[in-house]
Amino acid sequence: MQENPTIKLKNTSHKNAMKFQVIFTYDSEYQGYIAEVPELPGCVSQGKTLDEAIINIKDAIKGYFHVLEKHGKPYVPQASQSFVGEVLV
């Protein structure tokens, strides 16, 4: 089982870099990848390739924080209710 990729959102200073778990799911109907950030409710994007999905989800994360800032809302980290595990059968 492949480990979930982790996306780093880099700010101007590496000290302020933010790291989020992103779940990438291949969608055969869309014929591309859906990217979702469990820690940021509603933060979802997509791309025809995994590389495109990574670029797009980084933009979505930046947009998420832009909206929070615009509305004067603080970022409150949310504990993920899901996890990745393996089962031996």
PDB file of N, CA and C in Angstrom:
ATOM      1  N   MET A   1       0.853  -1.185   0.000  1.00  0.00           N
ATOM      2  CA  MET A   1       0.000   0.000   0.000  1.00  0.00           C
ATOM      3  C   MET A   1       0.889   1.235   0.000  1.00  0.00           C
ATOM      4  N   GLN A   2       0.602   2.159  -0.878  1.00  0.00           N
ATOM      5  CA  GLN A   2       1.400   3.378  -0.984  1.00  0.00           C
ATOM      6  C   GLN A   2       0.965   4.380   0.074  1.00  0.00           C
ATOM      7  N   GLU A   3       1.942   5.038   0.681  1.00  0.00           N
ATOM      8  CA  GLU A   3       1.660   6.065   1.683  1.00  0.00           C
ATOM      9  C   GLU A   3       1.016   7.266   1.004  1.00  0.00           C
ATOM     10  N   ASN A   4       0.083   7.923   1.724  1.00  0.00           N
ATOM     11  CA  ASN A   4      -0.573   9.110   1.166  1.00  0.00           C
ATOM     12  C   ASN A   4       0.431  10.225   0.972  1.00  0.00           C
ATOM     13  N   PRO A   5       0.410  10.880  -0.184  1.00  0.00           N
ATOM     14  CA  PRO A   5       1.294  12.030  -0.376  1.00  0.00           C
ATOM     15  C   PRO A   5       0.918  13.154   0.582  1.00  0.00           C
ATOM     16  N   THR A   6       1.886  13.896   1.018  1.00  0.00           N
ATOM     17  CA  THR A   6       1.641  15.053   1.874  1.00  0.00           C
ATOM     18  C   THR A   6       2.051  16.289   1.103  1.00  0.00           C
ATOM     19  N   ILE A   7       1.213  17.284   1.148  1.00  0.00           N
ATOM     20  CA  ILE A   7       1.466  18.530   0.429  1.00  0.00           C
ATOM     21  C   ILE A   7       1.981  19.568   1.405  1.00  0.00           C
ATOM     22  N   LYS A   8       3.061  20.250   1.033  1.00  0.00           N
ATOM     23  CA  LYS A   8       3.560  21.357   1.843  1.00  0.00           C
ATOM     24  C   LYS A   8       3.181  22.652   1.151  1.00  0.00           C
ATOM     25  N   LEU A   9       2.542  23.524   1.907  1.00  0.00           N
ATOM     26  CA  LEU A   9       2.197  24.843   1.390  1.00  0.00           C
ATOM     27  C   LEU A   9       3.237  25.797   1.930  1.00  0.00           C
ATOM     28  N   LYS A  10       4.093  26.300   1.053  1.00  0.00           N
ATOM     29  CA  LYS A  10       5.198  27.136   1.514  1.00  0.00           C
ATOM     30  C   LYS A  10       4.791  28.597   1.547  1.00  0.00           C
ATOM     31  N   ASN A  11       5.066  29.231   2.669  1.00  0.00           N
ATOM     32  CA  ASN A  11       4.884  30.670   2.803  1.00  0.00           C
ATOM     33  C   ASN A  11       6.217  31.326   2.477  1.00  0.00           C
ATOM     34  N   THR A  12       6.308  32.619   2.674  1.00  0.00           N
ATOM     35  CA  THR A  12       7.551  33.314   2.366  1.00  0.00           C
ATOM     36  C   THR A  12       8.675  32.852   3.279  1.00  0.00           C
ATOM     37  N   SER A  13       8.352  32.390   4.470  1.00  0.00           N
ATOM     38  CA  SER A  13       9.352  31.904   5.411  1.00  0.00           C
ATOM     39  C   SER A  13       9.124  30.417   5.653  1.00  0.00           C
ATOM     40  N   HIS A  14      10.195  29.642   5.612  1.00  0.00           N
ATOM     41  CA  HIS A  14      10.064  28.205   5.854  1.00  0.00           C
ATOM     42  C   HIS A  14       9.570  27.924   7.265  1.00  0.00           C
ATOM     43  N   LYS A  15       9.815  28.847   8.188  1.00  0.00           N
ATOM     44  CA  LYS A  15       9.351  28.662   9.558  1.00  0.00           C
ATOM     45  C   LYS A  15       7.833  28.635   9.617  1.00  0.00           C
ATOM     46  N   ASN A  16       7.178  29.296   8.671  1.00  0.00           N
ATOM     47  CA  ASN A  16       5.724  29.374   8.662  1.00  0.00           C
ATOM     48  C   ASN A  16       5.081  28.385   7.693  1.00  0.00           C
ATOM     49  N   ALA A  17       5.867  27.459   7.147  1.00  0.00           N
ATOM     50  CA  ALA A  17       5.314  26.497   6.190  1.00  0.00           C
ATOM     51  C   ALA A  17       4.238  25.661   6.865  1.00  0.00           C
ATOM     52  N   MET A  18       3.184  25.383   6.132  1.00  0.00           N
ATOM     53  CA  MET A  18       2.080  24.587   6.650  1.00  0.00           C
ATOM     54  C   MET A  18       2.038  23.272   5.884  1.00  0.00           C
ATOM     55  N   LYS A  19       1.729  22.200   6.590  1.00  0.00           N
ATOM     56  CA  LYS A  19       1.728  20.871   5.995  1.00  0.00           C
ATOM     57  C   LYS A  19       0.355  20.243   6.219  1.00  0.00           C
ATOM     58  N   PHE A  20      -0.249  19.726   5.149  1.00  0.00           N
ATOM     59  CA  PHE A  20      -1.573  19.127   5.237  1.00  0.00           C
ATOM     60  C   PHE A  20      -1.574  17.752   4.584  1.00  0.00           C
ATOM     61  N   GLN A  21      -2.357  16.849   5.144  1.00  0.00           N
ATOM     62  CA  GLN A  21      -2.580  15.567   4.488  1.00  0.00           C
ATOM     63  C   GLN A  21      -3.602  15.805   3.388  1.00  0.00           C
ATOM     64  N   VAL A  22      -3.326  15.273   2.213  1.00  0.00           N
ATOM     65  CA  VAL A  22      -4.247  15.389   1.086  1.00  0.00           C
ATOM     66  C   VAL A  22      -4.573  13.982   0.613  1.00  0.00           C
ATOM     67  N   ILE A  23      -5.850  13.707   0.434  1.00  0.00           N
ATOM     68  CA  ILE A  23      -6.276  12.402  -0.065  1.00  0.00           C
ATOM     69  C   ILE A  23      -6.532  12.537  -1.561  1.00  0.00           C
ATOM     70  N   PHE A  24      -5.809  11.733  -2.341  1.00  0.00           N
ATOM     71  CA  PHE A  24      -5.974  11.722  -3.795  1.00  0.00           C
ATOM     72  C   PHE A  24      -6.716  10.441  -4.173  1.00  0.00           C
ATOM     73  N   THR A  25      -7.797  10.595  -4.907  1.00  0.00           N
ATOM     74  CA  THR A  25      -8.591   9.449  -5.340  1.00  0.00           C
ATOM     75  C   THR A  25      -8.760   9.527  -6.847  1.00  0.00           C
ATOM     76  N   TYR A  26      -8.439   8.425  -7.523  1.00  0.00           N
ATOM     77  CA  TYR A  26      -8.650   8.409  -8.970  1.00  0.00           C
ATOM     78  C   TYR A  26     -10.133   8.197  -9.240  1.00  0.00           C
ATOM     79  N   ASP A  27     -10.705   9.035 -10.087  1.00  0.00           N
ATOM     80  CA  ASP A  27     -12.118   8.949 -10.449  1.00  0.00           C
ATOM     81  C   ASP A  27     -12.195   8.527 -11.913  1.00  0.00           C
ATOM     82  N   SER A  28     -12.646   7.294 -12.154  1.00  0.00           N
ATOM     83  CA  SER A  28     -12.662   6.779 -13.526  1.00  0.00           C
ATOM     84  C   SER A  28     -13.680   7.503 -14.405  1.00  0.00           C
ATOM     85  N   GLU A  29     -14.760   8.000 -13.817  1.00  0.00           N
ATOM     86  CA  GLU A  29     -15.745   8.747 -14.607  1.00  0.00           C
ATOM     87  C   GLU A  29     -15.156  10.082 -15.069  1.00  0.00           C
ATOM     88  N   TYR A  30     -14.479  10.776 -14.162  1.00  0.00           N
ATOM     89  CA  TYR A  30     -13.817  12.044 -14.487  1.00  0.00           C
ATOM     90  C   TYR A  30     -12.537  11.801 -15.288  1.00  0.00           C
ATOM     91  N   GLN A  31     -11.953  10.631 -15.111  1.00  0.00           N
ATOM     92  CA  GLN A  31     -10.670  10.248 -15.697  1.00  0.00           C
ATOM     93  C   GLN A  31      -9.559  11.158 -15.212  1.00  0.00           C
ATOM     94  N   GLY A  32      -9.550  11.344 -13.916  1.00  0.00           N
ATOM     95  CA  GLY A  32      -8.532  12.163 -13.282  1.00  0.00           C
ATOM     96  C   GLY A  32      -8.590  11.979 -11.782  1.00  0.00           C
ATOM     97  N   TYR A  33      -7.880  12.819 -11.082  1.00  0.00           N
ATOM     98  CA  TYR A  33      -7.749  12.705  -9.637  1.00  0.00           C
ATOM     99  C   TYR A  33      -8.553  13.773  -8.910  1.00  0.00           C
ATOM    100  N   ILE A  34      -9.195  13.355  -7.834  1.00  0.00           N
ATOM    101  CA  ILE A  34      -9.878  14.262  -6.929  1.00  0.00           C
ATOM    102  C   ILE A  34      -8.963  14.403  -5.717  1.00  0.00           C
ATOM    103  N   ALA A  35      -8.728  15.618  -5.284  1.00  0.00           N
ATOM    104  CA  ALA A  35      -7.858  15.890  -4.134  1.00  0.00           C
ATOM    105  C   ALA A  35      -8.696  16.560  -3.048  1.00  0.00           C
ATOM    106  N   GLU A  36      -8.584  16.049  -1.820  1.00  0.00           N
ATOM    107  CA  GLU A  36      -9.368  16.573  -0.703  1.00  0.00           C
ATOM    108  C   GLU A  36      -8.474  16.731   0.518  1.00  0.00           C
ATOM    109  N   VAL A  37      -8.649  17.836   1.237  1.00  0.00           N
ATOM    110  CA  VAL A  37      -7.893  18.102   2.462  1.00  0.00           C
ATOM    111  C   VAL A  37      -8.846  17.903   3.638  1.00  0.00           C
ATOM    112  N   PRO A  38      -8.757  16.760   4.331  1.00  0.00           N
ATOM    113  CA  PRO A  38      -9.693  16.484   5.424  1.00  0.00           C
ATOM    114  C   PRO A  38      -9.678  17.544   6.523  1.00  0.00           C
ATOM    115  N   GLU A  39      -8.536  18.150   6.750  1.00  0.00           N
ATOM    116  CA  GLU A  39      -8.384  19.142   7.815  1.00  0.00           C
ATOM    117  C   GLU A  39      -9.056  20.477   7.478  1.00  0.00           C
ATOM    118  N   LEU A  40      -9.361  20.692   6.198  1.00  0.00           N
ATOM    119  CA  LEU A  40      -9.974  21.940   5.745  1.00  0.00           C
ATOM    120  C   LEU A  40     -11.313  21.612   5.085  1.00  0.00           C
ATOM    121  N   PRO A  41     -12.395  21.610   5.836  1.00  0.00           N
ATOM    122  CA  PRO A  41     -13.700  21.211   5.302  1.00  0.00           C
ATOM    123  C   PRO A  41     -14.068  21.974   4.026  1.00  0.00           C
ATOM    124  N   GLY A  42     -14.422  21.210   2.996  1.00  0.00           N
ATOM    125  CA  GLY A  42     -14.816  21.813   1.730  1.00  0.00           C
ATOM    126  C   GLY A  42     -13.672  22.141   0.797  1.00  0.00           C
ATOM    127  N   CYS A  43     -12.441  21.899   1.223  1.00  0.00           N
ATOM    128  CA  CYS A  43     -11.279  22.198   0.385  1.00  0.00           C
ATOM    129  C   CYS A  43     -10.997  20.989  -0.509  1.00  0.00           C
ATOM    130  N   VAL A  44     -11.485  21.079  -1.744  1.00  0.00           N
ATOM    131  CA  VAL A  44     -11.404  19.982  -2.703  1.00  0.00           C
ATOM    132  C   VAL A  44     -10.986  20.554  -4.051  1.00  0.00           C
ATOM    133  N   SER A  45     -10.224  19.774  -4.815  1.00  0.00           N
ATOM    134  CA  SER A  45      -9.868  20.176  -6.168  1.00  0.00           C
ATOM    135  C   SER A  45      -9.709  18.920  -7.006  1.00  0.00           C
ATOM    136  N   GLN A  46      -9.251  19.081  -8.233  1.00  0.00           N
ATOM    137  CA  GLN A  46      -9.103  17.940  -9.126  1.00  0.00           C
ATOM    138  C   GLN A  46      -8.052  18.236 -10.180  1.00  0.00           C
ATOM    139  N   GLY A  47      -7.677  17.210 -10.910  1.00  0.00           N
ATOM    140  CA  GLY A  47      -6.745  17.361 -12.017  1.00  0.00           C
ATOM    141  C   GLY A  47      -6.743  16.100 -12.854  1.00  0.00           C
ATOM    142  N   LYS A  48      -6.496  16.245 -14.125  1.00  0.00           N
ATOM    143  CA  LYS A  48      -6.457  15.077 -15.012  1.00  0.00           C
ATOM    144  C   LYS A  48      -5.257  14.178 -14.703  1.00  0.00           C
ATOM    145  N   THR A  49      -4.188  14.769 -14.192  1.00  0.00           N
ATOM    146  CA  THR A  49      -3.020  13.997 -13.771  1.00  0.00           C
ATOM    147  C   THR A  49      -2.788  14.267 -12.289  1.00  0.00           C
ATOM    148  N   LEU A  50      -1.987  13.421 -11.658  1.00  0.00           N
ATOM    149  CA  LEU A  50      -1.673  13.624 -10.247  1.00  0.00           C
ATOM    150  C   LEU A  50      -0.931  14.943 -10.056  1.00  0.00           C
ATOM    151  N   ASP A  51      -0.002  15.254 -10.956  1.00  0.00           N
ATOM    152  CA  ASP A  51       0.731  16.524 -10.862  1.00  0.00           C
ATOM    153  C   ASP A  51      -0.214  17.722 -10.953  1.00  0.00           C
ATOM    154  N   GLU A  52      -1.174  17.652 -11.860  1.00  0.00           N
ATOM    155  CA  GLU A  52      -2.143  18.742 -12.002  1.00  0.00           C
ATOM    156  C   GLU A  52      -3.016  18.853 -10.747  1.00  0.00           C
ATOM    157  N   ALA A  53      -3.408  17.717 -10.182  1.00  0.00           N
ATOM    158  CA  ALA A  53      -4.215  17.728  -8.956  1.00  0.00           C
ATOM    159  C   ALA A  53      -3.434  18.342  -7.797  1.00  0.00           C
ATOM    160  N   ILE A  54      -2.138  18.069  -7.723  1.00  0.00           N
ATOM    161  CA  ILE A  54      -1.298  18.642  -6.663  1.00  0.00           C
ATOM    162  C   ILE A  54      -1.231  20.162  -6.811  1.00  0.00           C
ATOM    163  N   ILE A  55      -0.997  20.638  -8.017  1.00  0.00           N
ATOM    164  CA  ILE A  55      -0.946  22.088  -8.258  1.00  0.00           C
ATOM    165  C   ILE A  55      -2.285  22.723  -7.894  1.00  0.00           C
ATOM    166  N   ASN A  56      -3.372  22.097  -8.321  1.00  0.00           N
ATOM    167  CA  ASN A  56      -4.701  22.663  -8.084  1.00  0.00           C
ATOM    168  C   ASN A  56      -5.090  22.652  -6.609  1.00  0.00           C
ATOM    169  N   ILE A  57      -4.716  21.606  -5.867  1.00  0.00           N
ATOM    170  CA  ILE A  57      -5.082  21.575  -4.448  1.00  0.00           C
ATOM    171  C   ILE A  57      -4.255  22.598  -3.668  1.00  0.00           C
ATOM    172  N   LYS A  58      -3.021  22.847  -4.090  1.00  0.00           N
ATOM    173  CA  LYS A  58      -2.237  23.908  -3.441  1.00  0.00           C
ATOM    174  C   LYS A  58      -2.931  25.256  -3.632  1.00  0.00           C
ATOM    175  N   ASP A  59      -3.432  25.506  -4.840  1.00  0.00           N
ATOM    176  CA  ASP A  59      -4.174  26.747  -5.093  1.00  0.00           C
ATOM    177  C   ASP A  59      -5.446  26.802  -4.254  1.00  0.00           C
ATOM    178  N   ALA A  60      -6.130  25.666  -4.121  1.00  0.00           N
ATOM    179  CA  ALA A  60      -7.357  25.619  -3.322  1.00  0.00           C
ATOM    180  C   ALA A  60      -7.064  25.899  -1.849  1.00  0.00           C
ATOM    181  N   ILE A  61      -5.949  25.374  -1.346  1.00  0.00           N
ATOM    182  CA  ILE A  61      -5.564  25.617   0.053  1.00  0.00           C
ATOM    183  C   ILE A  61      -5.272  27.105   0.255  1.00  0.00           C
ATOM    184  N   LYS A  62      -4.530  27.688  -0.670  1.00  0.00           N
ATOM    185  CA  LYS A  62      -4.244  29.129  -0.574  1.00  0.00           C
ATOM    186  C   LYS A  62      -5.540  29.930  -0.603  1.00  0.00           C
ATOM    187  N   GLY A  63      -6.461  29.544  -1.478  1.00  0.00           N
ATOM    188  CA  GLY A  63      -7.751  30.219  -1.560  1.00  0.00           C
ATOM    189  C   GLY A  63      -8.560  30.071  -0.288  1.00  0.00           C
ATOM    190  N   TYR A  64      -8.486  28.909   0.327  1.00  0.00           N
ATOM    191  CA  TYR A  64      -9.190  28.650   1.590  1.00  0.00           C
ATOM    192  C   TYR A  64      -8.735  29.645   2.656  1.00  0.00           C
ATOM    193  N   PHE A  65      -7.417  29.817   2.766  1.00  0.00           N
ATOM    194  CA  PHE A  65      -6.879  30.739   3.769  1.00  0.00           C
ATOM    195  C   PHE A  65      -7.147  32.197   3.403  1.00  0.00           C
ATOM    196  N   HIS A  66      -7.180  32.498   2.114  1.00  0.00           N
ATOM    197  CA  HIS A  66      -7.507  33.855   1.679  1.00  0.00           C
ATOM    198  C   HIS A  66      -8.932  34.218   2.114  1.00  0.00           C
ATOM    199  N   VAL A  67      -9.866  33.291   1.948  1.00  0.00           N
ATOM    200  CA  VAL A  67     -11.258  33.532   2.345  1.00  0.00           C
ATOM    201  C   VAL A  67     -11.361  33.698   3.858  1.00  0.00           C
ATOM    202  N   LEU A  68     -10.656  32.849   4.620  1.00  0.00           N
ATOM    203  CA  LEU A  68     -10.667  33.001   6.082  1.00  0.00           C
ATOM    204  C   LEU A  68     -10.178  34.392   6.477  1.00  0.00           C
ATOM    205  N   GLU A  69      -9.063  34.801   5.874  1.00  0.00           N
ATOM    206  CA  GLU A  69      -8.476  36.105   6.192  1.00  0.00           C
ATOM    207  C   GLU A  69      -9.425  37.242   5.801  1.00  0.00           C
ATOM    208  N   LYS A  70     -10.025  37.132   4.628  1.00  0.00           N
ATOM    209  CA  LYS A  70     -10.934  38.164   4.127  1.00  0.00           C
ATOM    210  C   LYS A  70     -12.125  38.369   5.071  1.00  0.00           C
ATOM    211  N   HIS A  71     -12.591  37.275   5.674  1.00  0.00           N
ATOM    212  CA  HIS A  71     -13.748  37.347   6.566  1.00  0.00           C
ATOM    213  C   HIS A  71     -13.358  37.465   8.038  1.00  0.00           C
ATOM    214  N   GLY A  72     -12.061  37.620   8.293  1.00  0.00           N
ATOM    215  CA  GLY A  72     -11.587  37.798   9.662  1.00  0.00           C
ATOM    216  C   GLY A  72     -11.779  36.588  10.549  1.00  0.00           C
ATOM    217  N   LYS A  73     -11.789  35.409   9.935  1.00  0.00           N
ATOM    218  CA  LYS A  73     -11.976  34.180  10.714  1.00  0.00           C
ATOM    219  C   LYS A  73     -10.623  33.530  10.974  1.00  0.00           C
ATOM    220  N   PRO A  74     -10.425  33.023  12.180  1.00  0.00           N
ATOM    221  CA  PRO A  74      -9.157  32.362  12.491  1.00  0.00           C
ATOM    222  C   PRO A  74      -9.128  30.952  11.914  1.00  0.00           C
ATOM    223  N   TYR A  75      -7.926  30.462  11.699  1.00  0.00           N
ATOM    224  CA  TYR A  75      -7.761  29.063  11.295  1.00  0.00           C
ATOM    225  C   TYR A  75      -7.719  28.222  12.554  1.00  0.00           C
ATOM    226  N   VAL A  76      -8.660  27.314  12.673  1.00  0.00           N
ATOM    227  CA  VAL A  76      -8.700  26.401  13.816  1.00  0.00           C
ATOM    228  C   VAL A  76      -8.467  24.998  13.266  1.00  0.00           C
ATOM    229  N   PRO A  77      -7.291  24.410  13.564  1.00  0.00           N
ATOM    230  CA  PRO A  77      -7.006  23.065  13.048  1.00  0.00           C
ATOM    231  C   PRO A  77      -8.084  22.067  13.471  1.00  0.00           C
ATOM    232  N   GLN A  78      -8.499  21.234  12.543  1.00  0.00           N
ATOM    233  CA  GLN A  78      -9.501  20.207  12.799  1.00  0.00           C
ATOM    234  C   GLN A  78      -8.810  18.853  12.829  1.00  0.00           C
ATOM    235  N   ALA A  79      -9.152  18.062  13.808  1.00  0.00           N
ATOM    236  CA  ALA A  79      -8.608  16.708  13.871  1.00  0.00           C
ATOM    237  C   ALA A  79      -9.282  15.877  12.782  1.00  0.00           C
ATOM    238  N   SER A  80      -8.496  15.146  12.048  1.00  0.00           N
ATOM    239  CA  SER A  80      -9.041  14.304  10.992  1.00  0.00           C
ATOM    240  C   SER A  80      -9.795  13.134  11.606  1.00  0.00           C
ATOM    241  N   GLN A  81     -10.947  12.839  11.054  1.00  0.00           N
ATOM    242  CA  GLN A  81     -11.754  11.724  11.531  1.00  0.00           C
ATOM    243  C   GLN A  81     -11.449  10.450  10.744  1.00  0.00           C
ATOM    244  N   SER A  82     -10.555  10.538   9.788  1.00  0.00           N
ATOM    245  CA  SER A  82     -10.213   9.367   8.991  1.00  0.00           C
ATOM    246  C   SER A  82      -8.720   9.104   9.071  1.00  0.00           C
ATOM    247  N   PHE A  83      -8.350   7.901   8.739  1.00  0.00           N
ATOM    248  CA  PHE A  83      -6.945   7.537   8.717  1.00  0.00           C
ATOM    249  C   PHE A  83      -6.751   6.431   7.701  1.00  0.00           C
ATOM    250  N   VAL A  84      -5.504   6.193   7.365  1.00  0.00           N
ATOM    251  CA  VAL A  84      -5.163   5.143   6.418  1.00  0.00           C
ATOM    252  C   VAL A  84      -4.533   4.007   7.190  1.00  0.00           C
ATOM    253  N   GLY A  85      -4.999   2.814   6.930  1.00  0.00           N
ATOM    254  CA  GLY A  85      -4.448   1.650   7.611  1.00  0.00           C
ATOM    255  C   GLY A  85      -4.385   0.471   6.655  1.00  0.00           C
ATOM    256  N   GLU A  86      -3.787  -0.587   7.112  1.00  0.00           N
ATOM    257  CA  GLU A  86      -3.693  -1.805   6.317  1.00  0.00           C
ATOM    258  C   GLU A  86      -4.276  -2.955   7.114  1.00  0.00           C
ATOM    259  N   VAL A  87      -4.899  -3.894   6.414  1.00  0.00           N
ATOM    260  CA  VAL A  87      -5.468  -5.074   7.041  1.00  0.00           C
ATOM    261  C   VAL A  87      -4.917  -6.287   6.315  1.00  0.00           C
ATOM    262  N   LEU A  88      -4.412  -7.240   7.059  1.00  0.00           N
ATOM    263  CA  LEU A  88      -3.896  -8.475   6.482  1.00  0.00           C
ATOM    264  C   LEU A  88      -5.005  -9.515   6.515  1.00  0.00           C
ATOM    265  N   VAL A  89      -5.332 -10.100   5.357  1.00  0.00           N
ATOM    266  CA  VAL A  89      -6.408 -11.097   5.286  1.00  0.00           C
ATOM    267  C   VAL A  89      -5.832 -12.410   4.807  1.00  0.00           C
TER     268      VAL A  89
END
